[in-house]
Amino acid sequence: MLALILEIIVMLFGLMGLGMLLKYVSNKWFKWIEDLVDGFTKILYYGLLPLLFFNIFYSRGLDIADLKISIIVSLYVFLSIGLLWSTSRKLDPGLRKSLVTSSIFSNAIFLGFPILYFLYNDITYASLYSLVLLSYNIAIGGLLGAEKNIVKSIAKIPLIYGFTAGVLAHYYVPWIGDPLVAHIAEPVSKLTTYGSIIIVGFSIPLTTHVIRKYWKLILLQGFFRYTISPLIHYVLLLAFPIPVQGYYQLMVESMMPPGLINTVLARIHGWDHEYAASVTLVLTLTTPPTIMLLRSIGII
């Protein structure tokens, strides 16, 4: 077990380090690398991930656990908003909004999926969890930024179409998906797993000066991600039990670092995007070893 955990950590940080190295080289010498990574990110987000969702929901359809997961995500989001918004009143409004969004909305896909594949070789339950959480991420971010057309923004999430096509194929035209799933399931999952980690590494800011400014706030947010969020999920999973594999997947997802989209939202809406980027950097680097430590002692 220990050897496997060390292997996973080396794999995660190796791929993340490759992404950071590519960013450094791109900034220093070869600007075209950034365009290449941006292009691959679009392929991943608009192509591979929807295919992955199609494969998952074509294979299994929907069950009662999916309704419970949707309820769990919804309650987690609103409980967290109430807690964080009420305890951050003294912060600057831009910093407050960055803190709230980056605390609640995690990197459930680009980091969560690879870690779950490495640990359990499965994201069956995490897939719906991430879809619902991402929809809330766009909606709450839009509301805090007084953005219009939130429904339109959610409708543009490509994962929704992979999910919908997979469910429809499962129940109405099951023979359509068989050849597709048989030929692309394994390469899609591998490309998504390894590619996501490289993208996470490439997205991490290379400067750390803001960390020194906000280190106390970053520590508090780390406490929320590694303690409060898992505790909320644990209580909700007791209230809305799902299969044990789903329990483990959601508990791992509950400890993921802030999603990359939070920094994008902060930049778009004029919030403190430097804080969002910095806390994402710190917690992205500390999450894999934290997860592996919990795995080694049998908690997840």
Protein backbone atom coordinates (compact mmCIF):
# COMPACT_ATOMS: atom_id res chain seq x y z
CA MET A 1 0.00 0.00 0.00
CA LEU A 2 2.76 2.44 0.97
CA ALA A 3 4.62 1.78 -2.29
CA LEU A 4 1.45 2.43 -4.29
CA ILE A 5 0.78 5.69 -2.44
CA LEU A 6 4.35 6.88 -3.02
CA GLU A 7 4.02 5.96 -6.69
CA ILE A 8 0.81 8.00 -6.98
CA ILE A 9 2.41 11.01 -5.27
CA VAL A 10 5.42 10.83 -7.59
CA MET A 11 3.10 10.56 -10.60
CA LEU A 12 0.93 13.50 -9.49
CA PHE A 13 3.80 15.83 -8.66
CA GLY A 14 5.79 14.69 -11.69
CA LEU A 15 2.98 15.63 -14.08
CA MET A 16 2.20 18.80 -12.14
CA GLY A 17 5.89 19.71 -12.21
CA LEU A 18 5.94 19.13 -15.96
CA GLY A 19 3.08 21.60 -16.31
CA MET A 20 4.91 24.19 -14.17
CA LEU A 21 8.10 23.63 -16.19
CA LEU A 22 6.19 24.17 -19.42
CA LYS A 23 4.81 27.42 -18.02
CA TYR A 24 8.28 28.60 -17.01
CA VAL A 25 9.73 27.75 -20.42
CA SER A 26 6.75 29.41 -22.12
CA ASN A 27 7.15 32.62 -20.10
CA LYS A 28 10.91 32.66 -20.60
CA TRP A 29 11.44 31.60 -24.20
CA PHE A 30 8.68 29.86 -26.15
CA LYS A 31 5.38 31.75 -26.00
CA TRP A 32 3.76 29.27 -28.40
CA ILE A 33 3.72 26.63 -25.65
CA GLU A 34 0.96 28.56 -23.89
CA ASP A 35 -1.14 28.49 -27.07
CA LEU A 36 -0.49 24.75 -27.32
CA VAL A 37 -1.58 24.13 -23.73
CA ASP A 38 -4.63 26.40 -24.19
CA GLY A 39 -5.58 24.39 -27.27
CA PHE A 40 -5.21 21.09 -25.44
CA THR A 41 -7.25 22.47 -22.52
CA LYS A 42 -10.09 23.28 -24.91
CA ILE A 43 -9.88 19.79 -26.43
CA LEU A 44 -10.01 18.32 -22.95
CA TYR A 45 -12.86 20.50 -21.70
CA TYR A 46 -15.01 20.54 -24.83
CA GLY A 47 -14.18 17.10 -26.19
CA LEU A 48 -12.62 14.52 -23.88
CA LEU A 49 -14.55 15.34 -20.70
CA PRO A 50 -17.97 15.26 -22.41
CA LEU A 51 -16.97 11.90 -23.94
CA LEU A 52 -15.94 10.69 -20.50
CA PHE A 53 -19.31 11.72 -19.10
CA PHE A 54 -21.06 10.05 -22.03
CA ASN A 55 -19.19 6.80 -21.32
CA ILE A 56 -20.05 6.86 -17.61
CA PHE A 57 -23.75 7.64 -17.91
CA TYR A 58 -24.24 5.47 -21.00
CA SER A 59 -22.88 2.55 -18.99
CA ARG A 60 -24.89 3.08 -15.81
CA GLY A 61 -27.79 5.46 -16.44
CA LEU A 62 -29.28 7.18 -13.39
CA ASP A 63 -30.25 5.85 -9.96
CA ILE A 64 -31.41 7.09 -6.59
CA ALA A 65 -27.82 7.81 -5.54
CA ASP A 66 -27.66 10.57 -8.18
CA LEU A 67 -30.62 12.37 -6.60
CA LYS A 68 -28.96 12.06 -3.19
CA ILE A 69 -25.66 13.41 -4.57
CA SER A 70 -27.47 16.41 -6.06
CA ILE A 71 -29.10 17.10 -2.68
CA ILE A 72 -25.76 16.69 -0.87
CA VAL A 73 -24.02 19.16 -3.21
CA SER A 74 -26.84 21.68 -2.92
CA LEU A 75 -26.92 21.56 0.87
CA TYR A 76 -23.12 21.71 1.06
CA VAL A 77 -23.03 24.83 -1.15
CA PHE A 78 -25.73 26.72 0.74
CA LEU A 79 -24.50 25.74 4.20
CA SER A 80 -20.98 26.81 3.23
CA ILE A 81 -22.16 30.12 1.77
CA GLY A 82 -24.03 30.89 4.98
CA LEU A 83 -21.04 30.02 7.15
CA LEU A 84 -18.37 31.80 5.09
CA TRP A 85 -20.40 34.89 4.20
CA SER A 86 -21.37 35.50 7.83
CA THR A 87 -17.80 35.07 9.13
CA SER A 88 -16.04 37.22 6.50
CA ARG A 89 -17.96 40.49 6.94
CA LYS A 90 -14.86 42.50 7.86
CA LEU A 91 -12.96 41.66 4.68
CA ASP A 92 -12.70 43.90 1.64
CA PRO A 93 -15.64 43.02 -0.69
CA GLY A 94 -13.37 41.84 -3.52
CA LEU A 95 -11.32 39.67 -1.18
CA ARG A 96 -14.46 38.40 0.52
CA LYS A 97 -15.99 37.18 -2.73
CA SER A 98 -12.73 35.52 -3.78
CA LEU A 99 -12.51 33.83 -0.39
CA VAL A 100 -16.09 32.53 -0.48
CA THR A 101 -16.00 31.18 -4.03
CA SER A 102 -12.53 29.63 -3.78
CA SER A 103 -13.38 28.04 -0.42
CA ILE A 104 -16.57 26.36 -1.62
CA PHE A 105 -15.93 25.47 -5.24
CA SER A 106 -13.14 22.94 -5.58
CA ASN A 107 -11.09 21.52 -8.41
CA ALA A 108 -13.39 18.50 -8.56
CA ILE A 109 -12.57 17.71 -12.18
CA PHE A 110 -9.00 18.57 -13.21
CA LEU A 111 -7.45 17.36 -9.94
CA GLY A 112 -10.27 15.35 -8.36
CA PHE A 113 -10.74 12.98 -11.29
CA PRO A 114 -7.04 12.04 -11.69
CA ILE A 115 -6.66 11.38 -7.95
CA LEU A 116 -9.80 9.24 -7.92
CA TYR A 117 -8.59 7.28 -10.96
CA PHE A 118 -5.26 6.68 -9.28
CA LEU A 119 -6.92 5.60 -6.01
CA TYR A 120 -10.04 3.73 -7.16
CA ASN A 121 -9.94 3.65 -10.98
CA ASP A 122 -13.48 5.04 -10.94
CA ILE A 123 -15.30 8.40 -10.93
CA THR A 124 -18.85 7.08 -11.31
CA TYR A 125 -20.28 9.08 -8.42
CA ALA A 126 -17.80 11.96 -8.56
CA SER A 127 -18.86 12.72 -12.14
CA LEU A 128 -22.36 13.85 -11.16
CA TYR A 129 -21.01 15.56 -8.04
CA SER A 130 -18.62 17.63 -10.17
CA LEU A 131 -21.30 18.50 -12.72
CA VAL A 132 -23.69 19.85 -10.09
CA LEU A 133 -20.89 21.66 -8.24
CA LEU A 134 -19.64 23.29 -11.46
CA SER A 135 -23.17 24.49 -12.26
CA TYR A 136 -23.39 26.11 -8.83
CA ASN A 137 -19.91 27.56 -9.31
CA ILE A 138 -21.01 29.38 -12.47
CA ALA A 139 -24.36 30.44 -10.98
CA ILE A 140 -23.04 31.74 -7.62
CA GLY A 141 -20.08 33.42 -9.30
CA GLY A 142 -22.47 35.16 -11.67
CA LEU A 143 -24.77 36.28 -8.86
CA LEU A 144 -21.91 37.68 -6.78
CA GLY A 145 -20.62 39.48 -9.86
CA ALA A 146 -24.12 40.73 -10.78
CA GLU A 147 -23.76 38.95 -14.09
CA LYS A 148 -26.73 38.50 -16.41
CA ASN A 149 -27.58 35.39 -18.44
CA ILE A 150 -26.48 32.95 -15.74
CA VAL A 151 -28.71 30.24 -17.20
CA LYS A 152 -27.07 30.76 -20.58
CA SER A 153 -23.62 30.43 -18.97
CA ILE A 154 -24.61 27.15 -17.30
CA ALA A 155 -26.08 25.89 -20.57
CA LYS A 156 -22.66 26.35 -22.17
CA ILE A 157 -21.05 23.78 -19.84
CA PRO A 158 -20.10 20.98 -22.26
CA LEU A 159 -20.24 18.28 -19.57
CA ILE A 160 -24.03 18.74 -19.47
CA TYR A 161 -24.28 17.52 -23.06
CA GLY A 162 -22.07 14.49 -22.48
CA PHE A 163 -24.15 13.64 -19.42
CA THR A 164 -27.47 14.12 -21.26
CA ALA A 165 -26.39 12.15 -24.35
CA GLY A 166 -25.10 9.30 -22.17
CA VAL A 167 -28.33 9.06 -20.16
CA LEU A 168 -30.50 9.17 -23.30
CA ALA A 169 -28.36 6.54 -25.03
CA HIS A 170 -28.52 4.28 -21.97
CA TYR A 171 -32.32 4.24 -21.86
CA TYR A 172 -33.44 4.77 -25.46
CA VAL A 173 -30.72 3.69 -27.92
CA PRO A 174 -28.32 1.50 -25.93
CA TRP A 175 -26.81 -0.09 -29.03
CA ILE A 176 -25.37 3.28 -30.19
CA GLY A 177 -22.89 3.62 -27.39
CA ASP A 178 -21.34 0.13 -27.38
CA PRO A 179 -18.80 0.62 -30.21
CA LEU A 180 -17.94 4.13 -28.99
CA VAL A 181 -17.39 3.09 -25.40
CA ALA A 182 -15.42 -0.02 -26.33
CA HIS A 183 -12.89 1.90 -28.42
CA ILE A 184 -12.46 5.19 -26.61
CA ALA A 185 -13.14 4.58 -22.91
CA GLU A 186 -9.57 3.69 -21.93
CA PRO A 187 -7.66 6.27 -24.03
CA VAL A 188 -10.11 9.03 -23.04
CA SER A 189 -9.72 8.28 -19.33
CA LYS A 190 -5.91 8.19 -19.60
CA LEU A 191 -5.67 11.40 -21.62
CA THR A 192 -8.06 13.11 -19.24
CA THR A 193 -6.19 11.89 -16.16
CA TYR A 194 -2.66 12.79 -17.24
CA GLY A 195 -3.62 15.86 -19.25
CA SER A 196 -5.63 17.36 -16.39
CA ILE A 197 -2.69 17.21 -13.99
CA ILE A 198 -0.38 18.88 -16.52
CA ILE A 199 -2.96 21.64 -17.02
CA VAL A 200 -3.24 22.14 -13.25
CA GLY A 201 0.54 22.51 -13.04
CA PHE A 202 0.60 24.93 -15.97
CA SER A 203 -2.13 27.02 -14.33
CA ILE A 204 -0.33 27.44 -11.00
CA PRO A 205 1.14 30.95 -10.58
CA LEU A 206 4.95 30.97 -10.40
CA THR A 207 5.17 33.94 -8.02
CA THR A 208 4.49 33.65 -4.30
CA HIS A 209 4.62 37.23 -2.99
CA VAL A 210 0.86 37.34 -2.30
CA ILE A 211 1.15 34.22 -0.13
CA ARG A 212 3.21 36.14 2.42
CA LYS A 213 0.54 38.84 2.51
CA TYR A 214 -2.41 36.50 3.06
CA TRP A 215 -0.82 33.49 4.75
CA LYS A 216 -3.19 33.56 7.76
CA LEU A 217 -6.24 33.69 5.50
CA ILE A 218 -4.81 30.90 3.34
CA LEU A 219 -4.30 28.75 6.47
CA LEU A 220 -7.92 29.36 7.48
CA GLN A 221 -9.12 28.41 4.01
CA GLY A 222 -6.98 25.27 4.16
CA PHE A 223 -8.69 24.44 7.47
CA PHE A 224 -12.06 24.83 5.75
CA ARG A 225 -11.10 22.63 2.79
CA TYR A 226 -9.47 19.86 4.86
CA THR A 227 -11.73 19.91 7.94
CA ILE A 228 -15.02 21.81 7.64
CA SER A 229 -15.87 20.74 4.10
CA PRO A 230 -15.25 17.00 4.77
CA LEU A 231 -17.22 17.28 8.02
CA ILE A 232 -20.20 18.82 6.20
CA HIS A 233 -20.01 16.11 3.52
CA TYR A 234 -19.72 13.37 6.15
CA VAL A 235 -22.85 14.54 7.99
CA LEU A 236 -24.78 14.90 4.73
CA LEU A 237 -23.67 11.42 3.62
CA LEU A 238 -25.02 10.04 6.90
CA ALA A 239 -28.34 11.76 6.19
CA PHE A 240 -28.39 10.71 2.51
CA PRO A 241 -26.42 7.42 2.32
CA ILE A 242 -25.06 6.24 -1.01
CA PRO A 243 -22.98 3.14 -1.95
CA VAL A 244 -19.63 2.91 -0.17
CA GLN A 245 -17.67 3.64 -3.34
CA GLY A 246 -19.65 6.85 -3.73
CA TYR A 247 -18.95 7.74 -0.12
CA TYR A 248 -15.20 7.50 -0.66
CA GLN A 249 -15.35 9.46 -3.92
CA LEU A 250 -17.33 12.32 -2.39
CA MET A 251 -15.11 12.46 0.69
CA VAL A 252 -12.03 12.77 -1.55
CA GLU A 253 -13.77 15.45 -3.62
CA SER A 254 -14.69 17.32 -0.44
CA MET A 255 -10.98 18.01 0.18
CA MET A 256 -9.95 19.15 -3.27
CA PRO A 257 -8.26 22.58 -3.56
CA PRO A 258 -9.98 25.63 -5.11
CA GLY A 259 -11.02 25.21 -8.73
CA LEU A 260 -9.08 27.08 -11.38
CA ILE A 261 -12.29 28.75 -12.55
CA ASN A 262 -12.45 30.78 -9.30
CA THR A 263 -9.36 32.75 -10.32
CA VAL A 264 -10.93 33.36 -13.73
CA LEU A 265 -14.17 34.58 -12.12
CA ALA A 266 -12.24 36.85 -9.75
CA ARG A 267 -10.34 38.40 -12.66
CA ILE A 268 -13.50 38.86 -14.73
CA HIS A 269 -15.50 40.48 -11.91
CA GLY A 270 -12.70 42.60 -10.48
CA TRP A 271 -12.32 40.68 -7.22
CA ASP A 272 -8.98 39.90 -5.56
CA HIS A 273 -7.71 37.47 -8.20
CA GLU A 274 -4.19 37.44 -6.75
CA TYR A 275 -5.55 35.92 -3.54
CA ALA A 276 -7.57 33.37 -5.52
CA ALA A 277 -4.49 32.35 -7.49
CA SER A 278 -2.28 32.18 -4.41
CA VAL A 279 -4.59 30.04 -2.30
CA THR A 280 -5.08 27.79 -5.32
CA LEU A 281 -1.29 27.40 -5.58
CA VAL A 282 -0.80 26.50 -1.90
CA LEU A 283 -3.72 24.09 -1.56
CA THR A 284 -3.08 22.45 -4.94
CA LEU A 285 0.42 21.55 -3.77
CA THR A 286 -0.67 20.37 -0.32
CA THR A 287 -3.77 18.39 -1.31
CA PRO A 288 -2.17 15.30 -2.97
CA PRO A 289 0.06 14.45 0.01
CA THR A 290 -2.85 15.13 2.40
CA ILE A 291 -5.11 12.75 0.47
CA MET A 292 -2.40 10.09 0.30
CA LEU A 293 -1.72 10.38 4.03
CA LEU A 294 -5.42 9.85 4.77
CA ARG A 295 -5.43 6.94 2.33
CA SER A 296 -2.40 5.33 4.01
CA ILE A 297 -4.13 5.30 7.40
CA GLY A 298 -7.37 3.97 5.96
CA ILE A 299 -9.62 7.02 6.35
CA ILE A 300 -10.42 7.21 2.63
